[in-house]
């Protein structure tokens, strides 16, 4: 399963985004039921993305089925390769 922003780009870990008009980052993308670290999110909610705003201790999880409802999640740029 490939999760996408409303603009059509694939959502990837580390992407820089605007969330509720504030800078944020995609902490992880849960879309593979065989991923041992993230399979729980896929089994429980059908997958999704975790978003973290700087200086906010409480990240936001958006289930894949609700991504279309989040017009205020905007792709800004990809994380730089290391």
C-alpha atoms as a PDB file:
ATOM      1  CA  UNK A   1       0.000   0.000   0.000  1.00  0.00           C
ATOM      2  CA  UNK A   2       1.330   3.421  -0.963  1.00  0.00           C
ATOM      3  CA  UNK A   3       0.094   6.383   1.044  1.00  0.00           C
ATOM      4  CA  UNK A   4      -0.066   9.760  -0.717  1.00  0.00           C
ATOM      5  CA  UNK A   5      -0.568  13.415   0.047  1.00  0.00           C
ATOM      6  CA  UNK A   6      -3.571  15.122  -1.520  1.00  0.00           C
ATOM      7  CA  UNK A   7      -1.136  16.632  -4.044  1.00  0.00           C
ATOM      8  CA  UNK A   8      -0.264  13.106  -5.232  1.00  0.00           C
ATOM      9  CA  UNK A   9       3.289  12.655  -3.896  1.00  0.00           C
ATOM     10  CA  UNK A  10       4.071   9.485  -1.969  1.00  0.00           C
ATOM     11  CA  UNK A  11       4.350  10.009   1.783  1.00  0.00           C
ATOM     12  CA  UNK A  12       7.801   8.998   3.036  1.00  0.00           C
ATOM     13  CA  UNK A  13       9.519   8.890   6.408  1.00  0.00           C
ATOM     14  CA  UNK A  14      11.389  12.126   7.076  1.00  0.00           C
ATOM     15  CA  UNK A  15       9.334  14.268   4.703  1.00  0.00           C
ATOM     16  CA  UNK A  16       9.022  17.867   5.759  1.00  0.00           C
ATOM     17  CA  UNK A  17       5.381  18.945   5.771  1.00  0.00           C
ATOM     18  CA  UNK A  18       3.016  21.624   6.947  1.00  0.00           C
ATOM     19  CA  UNK A  19       0.440  20.289   9.395  1.00  0.00           C
ATOM     20  CA  UNK A  20      -2.224  22.754  10.499  1.00  0.00           C
ATOM     21  CA  UNK A  21      -0.005  25.403   8.815  1.00  0.00           C
ATOM     22  CA  UNK A  22       2.914  24.589  11.117  1.00  0.00           C
ATOM     23  CA  UNK A  23       6.193  22.887  10.148  1.00  0.00           C
ATOM     24  CA  UNK A  24       6.282  19.179  10.949  1.00  0.00           C
ATOM     25  CA  UNK A  25       7.968  15.945   9.879  1.00  0.00           C
ATOM     26  CA  UNK A  26       6.715  12.496   8.962  1.00  0.00           C
ATOM     27  CA  UNK A  27       8.064  10.293  11.761  1.00  0.00           C
ATOM     28  CA  UNK A  28       7.023   7.028  10.113  1.00  0.00           C
ATOM     29  CA  UNK A  29       4.757   5.530   7.487  1.00  0.00           C
ATOM     30  CA  UNK A  30       2.944   2.325   8.486  1.00  0.00           C
ATOM     31  CA  UNK A  31       1.899   0.551   5.313  1.00  0.00           C
ATOM     32  CA  UNK A  32       3.636  -2.850   5.326  1.00  0.00           C
ATOM     33  CA  UNK A  33       1.930  -5.546   7.423  1.00  0.00           C
ATOM     34  CA  UNK A  34       5.210  -7.495   7.447  1.00  0.00           C
ATOM     35  CA  UNK A  35       7.242  -4.692   9.035  1.00  0.00           C
ATOM     36  CA  UNK A  36       7.906  -6.000  12.573  1.00  0.00           C
ATOM     37  CA  UNK A  37       8.157  -2.495  14.060  1.00  0.00           C
ATOM     38  CA  UNK A  38       5.024  -1.049  12.476  1.00  0.00           C
ATOM     39  CA  UNK A  39       2.742  -3.996  11.732  1.00  0.00           C
ATOM     40  CA  UNK A  40       0.603  -3.192  14.792  1.00  0.00           C
ATOM     41  CA  UNK A  41      -0.503   0.094  13.165  1.00  0.00           C
ATOM     42  CA  UNK A  42      -1.401  -1.728   9.955  1.00  0.00           C
ATOM     43  CA  UNK A  43      -3.360  -4.446  11.757  1.00  0.00           C
ATOM     44  CA  UNK A  44      -5.164  -2.077  14.152  1.00  0.00           C
ATOM     45  CA  UNK A  45      -5.921   0.882  11.884  1.00  0.00           C
ATOM     46  CA  UNK A  46      -5.165  -0.200   8.332  1.00  0.00           C
ATOM     47  CA  UNK A  47      -1.889   1.716   8.296  1.00  0.00           C
ATOM     48  CA  UNK A  48      -1.208   5.432   8.389  1.00  0.00           C
ATOM     49  CA  UNK A  49       1.383   8.072   9.174  1.00  0.00           C
ATOM     50  CA  UNK A  50       2.835   9.545  12.360  1.00  0.00           C
ATOM     51  CA  UNK A  51       3.480  13.283  12.248  1.00  0.00           C
ATOM     52  CA  UNK A  52       5.635  15.193  14.718  1.00  0.00           C
ATOM     53  CA  UNK A  53       5.744  18.944  15.136  1.00  0.00           C
ATOM     54  CA  UNK A  54       8.968  20.411  16.567  1.00  0.00           C
ATOM     55  CA  UNK A  55       8.842  20.877  20.350  1.00  0.00           C
ATOM     56  CA  UNK A  56       5.561  18.919  20.590  1.00  0.00           C
ATOM     57  CA  UNK A  57       5.893  15.800  22.753  1.00  0.00           C
ATOM     58  CA  UNK A  58       2.664  14.323  21.362  1.00  0.00           C
ATOM     59  CA  UNK A  59       2.880  13.178  17.746  1.00  0.00           C
ATOM     60  CA  UNK A  60      -0.296  12.751  15.694  1.00  0.00           C
ATOM     61  CA  UNK A  61      -1.210   9.454  14.008  1.00  0.00           C
ATOM     62  CA  UNK A  62      -3.465   9.697  10.965  1.00  0.00           C
ATOM     63  CA  UNK A  63      -4.973   6.389   9.828  1.00  0.00           C
ATOM     64  CA  UNK A  64      -4.665   5.725   6.082  1.00  0.00           C
ATOM     65  CA  UNK A  65      -8.451   5.754   5.724  1.00  0.00           C
ATOM     66  CA  UNK A  66      -8.564   9.356   7.025  1.00  0.00           C
ATOM     67  CA  UNK A  67      -5.688  10.879   5.036  1.00  0.00           C
ATOM     68  CA  UNK A  68      -8.129  12.284   2.472  1.00  0.00           C
ATOM     69  CA  UNK A  69      -9.819  14.287   5.220  1.00  0.00           C
ATOM     70  CA  UNK A  70      -6.597  16.114   6.124  1.00  0.00           C
ATOM     71  CA  UNK A  71      -6.403  18.988   3.665  1.00  0.00           C
ATOM     72  CA  UNK A  72      -4.123  20.709   6.167  1.00  0.00           C
ATOM     73  CA  UNK A  73      -1.355  18.118   5.654  1.00  0.00           C
ATOM     74  CA  UNK A  74       0.833  19.585   2.911  1.00  0.00           C
ATOM     75  CA  UNK A  75       4.026  18.166   1.410  1.00  0.00           C
ATOM     76  CA  UNK A  76       6.968  20.626   1.537  1.00  0.00           C
ATOM     77  CA  UNK A  77      10.122  18.623   0.713  1.00  0.00           C
ATOM     78  CA  UNK A  78      11.881  15.284   1.002  1.00  0.00           C
ATOM     79  CA  UNK A  79      14.391  14.533   3.725  1.00  0.00           C
ATOM     80  CA  UNK A  80      17.957  14.852   2.557  1.00  0.00           C
ATOM     81  CA  UNK A  81      19.727  11.565   1.843  1.00  0.00           C
ATOM     82  CA  UNK A  82      22.546  10.718   4.217  1.00  0.00           C
END
